[in-house]
Amino acid sequence: MFSLQQQLAPTAAATATAAAAGTVATAEEQQQQQQQQQQQQQQKQQQQQQQQHQQQQQQQQQQQQQQQQQQQQQQQQYLQFRVYLIY
């Protein structure tokens, strides 16, 4: 029995250290996962910001188009008025 305990003791110690090493590894893995998640979130935020920027550009383009349309309308009205004066 005594010899059995002597044989079991080192294996028990080995499993204990392995278990401890396992917890360290999982802690590191968790940190890595968290970092990856944070990076992904940052990327998502950047994408959202880019989308917002694109939307703003589109709005500006629309405003420019509206201004151009208004100018064209004014020119047409002016031409019609001149034609009326000639007649």
N, C-alpha and C. Protein backbone atom coordinates (compact mmCIF):
# COMPACT_ATOMS: atom_id res chain seq x y z
N MET A 1 0.84 -1.20 0.00
CA MET A 1 0.00 0.00 0.00
C MET A 1 0.87 1.26 0.00
N PHE A 2 1.94 1.19 0.80
CA PHE A 2 2.81 2.36 0.92
C PHE A 2 3.45 2.68 -0.43
N SER A 3 3.86 1.60 -1.11
CA SER A 3 4.50 1.81 -2.42
C SER A 3 3.48 2.37 -3.42
N LEU A 4 2.23 1.96 -3.28
CA LEU A 4 1.18 2.46 -4.18
C LEU A 4 1.00 3.97 -3.98
N GLN A 5 0.97 4.39 -2.72
CA GLN A 5 0.81 5.82 -2.43
C GLN A 5 1.99 6.61 -2.99
N GLN A 6 3.16 6.04 -2.87
CA GLN A 6 4.35 6.72 -3.40
C GLN A 6 4.23 6.88 -4.92
N GLN A 7 3.67 5.86 -5.55
CA GLN A 7 3.52 5.95 -7.01
C GLN A 7 2.42 6.96 -7.38
N LEU A 8 1.38 6.99 -6.58
CA LEU A 8 0.25 7.87 -6.89
C LEU A 8 0.58 9.34 -6.62
N ALA A 9 1.40 9.58 -5.62
CA ALA A 9 1.71 10.96 -5.23
C ALA A 9 2.28 11.79 -6.39
N PRO A 10 3.29 11.31 -7.10
CA PRO A 10 3.82 12.14 -8.18
C PRO A 10 2.80 12.35 -9.31
N THR A 11 1.99 11.33 -9.58
CA THR A 11 0.99 11.49 -10.65
C THR A 11 -0.05 12.52 -10.23
N ALA A 12 -0.42 12.50 -8.94
CA ALA A 12 -1.39 13.48 -8.44
C ALA A 12 -0.81 14.88 -8.56
N ALA A 13 0.46 15.01 -8.22
CA ALA A 13 1.12 16.31 -8.33
C ALA A 13 1.17 16.75 -9.79
N ALA A 14 1.42 15.81 -10.66
CA ALA A 14 1.51 16.12 -12.09
C ALA A 14 0.15 16.59 -12.61
N THR A 15 -0.91 15.89 -12.20
CA THR A 15 -2.25 16.30 -12.65
C THR A 15 -2.61 17.67 -12.08
N ALA A 16 -2.18 17.93 -10.84
CA ALA A 16 -2.47 19.23 -10.22
C ALA A 16 -1.79 20.34 -11.00
N THR A 17 -0.52 20.13 -11.34
CA THR A 17 0.20 21.17 -12.08
C THR A 17 -0.40 21.32 -13.48
N ALA A 18 -0.81 20.20 -14.06
CA ALA A 18 -1.42 20.26 -15.39
C ALA A 18 -2.73 21.05 -15.32
N ALA A 19 -3.48 20.81 -14.26
CA ALA A 19 -4.75 21.52 -14.09
C ALA A 19 -4.49 23.02 -13.92
N ALA A 20 -3.47 23.33 -13.12
CA ALA A 20 -3.11 24.73 -12.89
C ALA A 20 -2.67 25.37 -14.21
N ALA A 21 -1.88 24.64 -14.96
CA ALA A 21 -1.41 25.14 -16.25
C ALA A 21 -2.61 25.35 -17.17
N GLY A 22 -3.58 24.46 -17.05
CA GLY A 22 -4.79 24.57 -17.86
C GLY A 22 -5.54 25.85 -17.56
N THR A 23 -5.63 26.20 -16.29
CA THR A 23 -6.35 27.43 -15.92
C THR A 23 -5.59 28.65 -16.43
N VAL A 24 -4.27 28.59 -16.36
CA VAL A 24 -3.47 29.71 -16.89
C VAL A 24 -3.71 29.84 -18.39
N ALA A 25 -3.72 28.70 -19.07
CA ALA A 25 -3.92 28.72 -20.52
C ALA A 25 -5.30 29.29 -20.86
N THR A 26 -6.30 28.86 -20.11
CA THR A 26 -7.65 29.35 -20.42
C THR A 26 -7.74 30.85 -20.13
N ALA A 27 -7.06 31.32 -19.09
CA ALA A 27 -7.08 32.75 -18.78
C ALA A 27 -6.46 33.52 -19.94
N GLU A 28 -5.34 33.01 -20.45
CA GLU A 28 -4.68 33.67 -21.59
C GLU A 28 -5.59 33.64 -22.81
N GLU A 29 -6.23 32.49 -23.01
CA GLU A 29 -7.13 32.35 -24.16
C GLU A 29 -8.28 33.36 -24.04
N GLN A 30 -8.80 33.48 -22.83
CA GLN A 30 -9.90 34.43 -22.61
C GLN A 30 -9.45 35.85 -22.94
N GLN A 31 -8.25 36.19 -22.49
CA GLN A 31 -7.73 37.53 -22.79
C GLN A 31 -7.62 37.73 -24.30
N GLN A 32 -7.09 36.71 -24.98
CA GLN A 32 -6.95 36.80 -26.43
C GLN A 32 -8.31 36.96 -27.09
N GLN A 33 -9.27 36.16 -26.62
CA GLN A 33 -10.62 36.24 -27.17
C GLN A 33 -11.21 37.63 -26.94
N GLN A 34 -11.02 38.15 -25.73
CA GLN A 34 -11.53 39.48 -25.42
C GLN A 34 -10.89 40.52 -26.33
N GLN A 35 -9.57 40.40 -26.51
CA GLN A 35 -8.88 41.34 -27.39
C GLN A 35 -9.42 41.25 -28.80
N GLN A 36 -9.64 40.02 -29.28
CA GLN A 36 -10.18 39.83 -30.62
C GLN A 36 -11.56 40.46 -30.72
N GLN A 37 -12.39 40.23 -29.70
CA GLN A 37 -13.73 40.80 -29.70
C GLN A 37 -13.66 42.33 -29.73
N GLN A 38 -12.75 42.88 -28.92
CA GLN A 38 -12.60 44.33 -28.90
C GLN A 38 -12.17 44.85 -30.26
N GLN A 39 -11.23 44.13 -30.88
CA GLN A 39 -10.78 44.53 -32.22
C GLN A 39 -11.93 44.48 -33.20
N GLN A 40 -12.73 43.41 -33.12
CA GLN A 40 -13.87 43.28 -34.01
C GLN A 40 -14.85 44.43 -33.78
N GLN A 41 -15.10 44.75 -32.52
CA GLN A 41 -16.00 45.85 -32.20
C GLN A 41 -15.47 47.16 -32.76
N GLN A 42 -14.16 47.37 -32.62
CA GLN A 42 -13.55 48.58 -33.15
C GLN A 42 -13.71 48.63 -34.66
N GLN A 43 -13.50 47.48 -35.31
CA GLN A 43 -13.67 47.43 -36.76
C GLN A 43 -15.11 47.75 -37.14
N LYS A 44 -16.06 47.19 -36.39
CA LYS A 44 -17.48 47.47 -36.66
C LYS A 44 -17.75 48.96 -36.50
N GLN A 45 -17.20 49.55 -35.45
CA GLN A 45 -17.40 50.98 -35.22
C GLN A 45 -16.82 51.78 -36.38
N GLN A 46 -15.63 51.38 -36.83
CA GLN A 46 -15.02 52.09 -37.96
C GLN A 46 -15.89 51.97 -39.20
N GLN A 47 -16.42 50.77 -39.43
CA GLN A 47 -17.30 50.56 -40.57
C GLN A 47 -18.53 51.45 -40.46
N GLN A 48 -19.10 51.51 -39.28
CA GLN A 48 -20.28 52.35 -39.07
C GLN A 48 -19.95 53.81 -39.34
N GLN A 49 -18.79 54.25 -38.87
CA GLN A 49 -18.39 55.63 -39.10
C GLN A 49 -18.22 55.89 -40.60
N GLN A 50 -17.63 54.92 -41.30
CA GLN A 50 -17.46 55.07 -42.75
C GLN A 50 -18.82 55.16 -43.43
N GLN A 51 -19.75 54.32 -43.00
CA GLN A 51 -21.09 54.35 -43.57
C GLN A 51 -21.74 55.71 -43.33
N GLN A 52 -21.61 56.22 -42.12
CA GLN A 52 -22.17 57.53 -41.80
C GLN A 52 -21.55 58.60 -42.69
N HIS A 53 -20.24 58.49 -42.87
CA HIS A 53 -19.53 59.45 -43.71
C HIS A 53 -20.06 59.39 -45.14
N GLN A 54 -20.27 58.19 -45.63
CA GLN A 54 -20.80 58.02 -46.98
C GLN A 54 -22.20 58.63 -47.07
N GLN A 55 -23.01 58.40 -46.07
CA GLN A 55 -24.36 58.96 -46.06
C GLN A 55 -24.30 60.48 -46.10
N GLN A 56 -23.40 61.05 -45.34
CA GLN A 56 -23.26 62.51 -45.33
C GLN A 56 -22.87 63.01 -46.72
N GLN A 57 -21.95 62.28 -47.36
CA GLN A 57 -21.53 62.68 -48.71
C GLN A 57 -22.71 62.61 -49.67
N GLN A 58 -23.51 61.55 -49.55
CA GLN A 58 -24.68 61.42 -50.41
C GLN A 58 -25.64 62.58 -50.18
N GLN A 59 -25.85 62.94 -48.93
CA GLN A 59 -26.74 64.06 -48.62
C GLN A 59 -26.21 65.35 -49.25
N GLN A 60 -24.90 65.55 -49.16
CA GLN A 60 -24.31 66.75 -49.75
C GLN A 60 -24.52 66.76 -51.26
N GLN A 61 -24.34 65.59 -51.88
CA GLN A 61 -24.55 65.49 -53.33
C GLN A 61 -26.00 65.82 -53.67
N GLN A 62 -26.93 65.31 -52.89
CA GLN A 62 -28.34 65.59 -53.13
C GLN A 62 -28.61 67.09 -53.02
N GLN A 63 -28.03 67.71 -52.01
CA GLN A 63 -28.22 69.15 -51.83
C GLN A 63 -27.68 69.91 -53.04
N GLN A 64 -26.52 69.48 -53.53
CA GLN A 64 -25.94 70.13 -54.71
C GLN A 64 -26.85 69.97 -55.92
N GLN A 65 -27.41 68.77 -56.08
CA GLN A 65 -28.32 68.53 -57.19
C GLN A 65 -29.55 69.44 -57.07
N GLN A 66 -30.08 69.58 -55.88
CA GLN A 66 -31.24 70.44 -55.67
C GLN A 66 -30.90 71.88 -56.04
N GLN A 67 -29.72 72.33 -55.64
CA GLN A 67 -29.31 73.70 -55.97
C GLN A 67 -29.22 73.87 -57.48
N GLN A 68 -28.65 72.87 -58.15
CA GLN A 68 -28.54 72.94 -59.61
C GLN A 68 -29.92 73.01 -60.25
N GLN A 69 -30.85 72.22 -59.76
CA GLN A 69 -32.22 72.22 -60.29
C GLN A 69 -32.85 73.60 -60.10
N GLN A 70 -32.66 74.18 -58.94
CA GLN A 70 -33.21 75.51 -58.68
C GLN A 70 -32.63 76.53 -59.65
N GLN A 71 -31.33 76.45 -59.89
CA GLN A 71 -30.70 77.38 -60.82
C GLN A 71 -31.28 77.21 -62.22
N GLN A 72 -31.47 75.97 -62.63
CA GLN A 72 -32.03 75.70 -63.96
C GLN A 72 -33.45 76.28 -64.06
N GLN A 73 -34.24 76.11 -63.03
CA GLN A 73 -35.60 76.64 -63.02
C GLN A 73 -35.58 78.16 -63.15
N GLN A 74 -34.68 78.79 -62.42
CA GLN A 74 -34.58 80.25 -62.47
C GLN A 74 -34.21 80.70 -63.88
N GLN A 75 -33.27 79.99 -64.51
CA GLN A 75 -32.86 80.34 -65.87
C GLN A 75 -34.03 80.20 -66.84
N GLN A 76 -34.80 79.14 -66.70
CA GLN A 76 -35.95 78.92 -67.57
C GLN A 76 -36.97 80.05 -67.40
N GLN A 77 -37.24 80.41 -66.16
CA GLN A 77 -38.20 81.49 -65.89
C GLN A 77 -37.71 82.79 -66.53
N TYR A 78 -36.44 83.05 -66.41
CA TYR A 78 -35.87 84.27 -66.98
C TYR A 78 -36.01 84.25 -68.50
N LEU A 79 -35.74 83.10 -69.13
CA LEU A 79 -35.87 82.98 -70.59
C LEU A 79 -37.32 83.19 -71.02
N GLN A 80 -38.24 82.60 -70.30
CA GLN A 80 -39.67 82.75 -70.63
C GLN A 80 -40.06 84.23 -70.54
N PHE A 81 -39.57 84.89 -69.54
CA PHE A 81 -39.88 86.30 -69.34
C PHE A 81 -39.34 87.13 -70.51
N ARG A 82 -38.14 86.82 -70.97
CA ARG A 82 -37.53 87.55 -72.10
C ARG A 82 -38.33 87.30 -73.38
N VAL A 83 -38.74 86.06 -73.57
CA VAL A 83 -39.55 85.73 -74.75
C VAL A 83 -40.85 86.52 -74.71
N TYR A 84 -41.45 86.63 -73.57
CA TYR A 84 -42.71 87.37 -73.41
C TYR A 84 -42.49 88.85 -73.75
N LEU A 85 -41.36 89.40 -73.32
CA LEU A 85 -41.05 90.81 -73.58
C LEU A 85 -40.87 91.05 -75.08
N ILE A 86 -40.21 90.13 -75.77
CA ILE A 86 -39.96 90.28 -77.21
C ILE A 86 -41.30 90.31 -77.94
N TYR A 87 -42.22 89.44 -77.56
CA TYR A 87 -43.53 89.41 -78.23
C TYR A 87 -44.33 90.64 -77.82
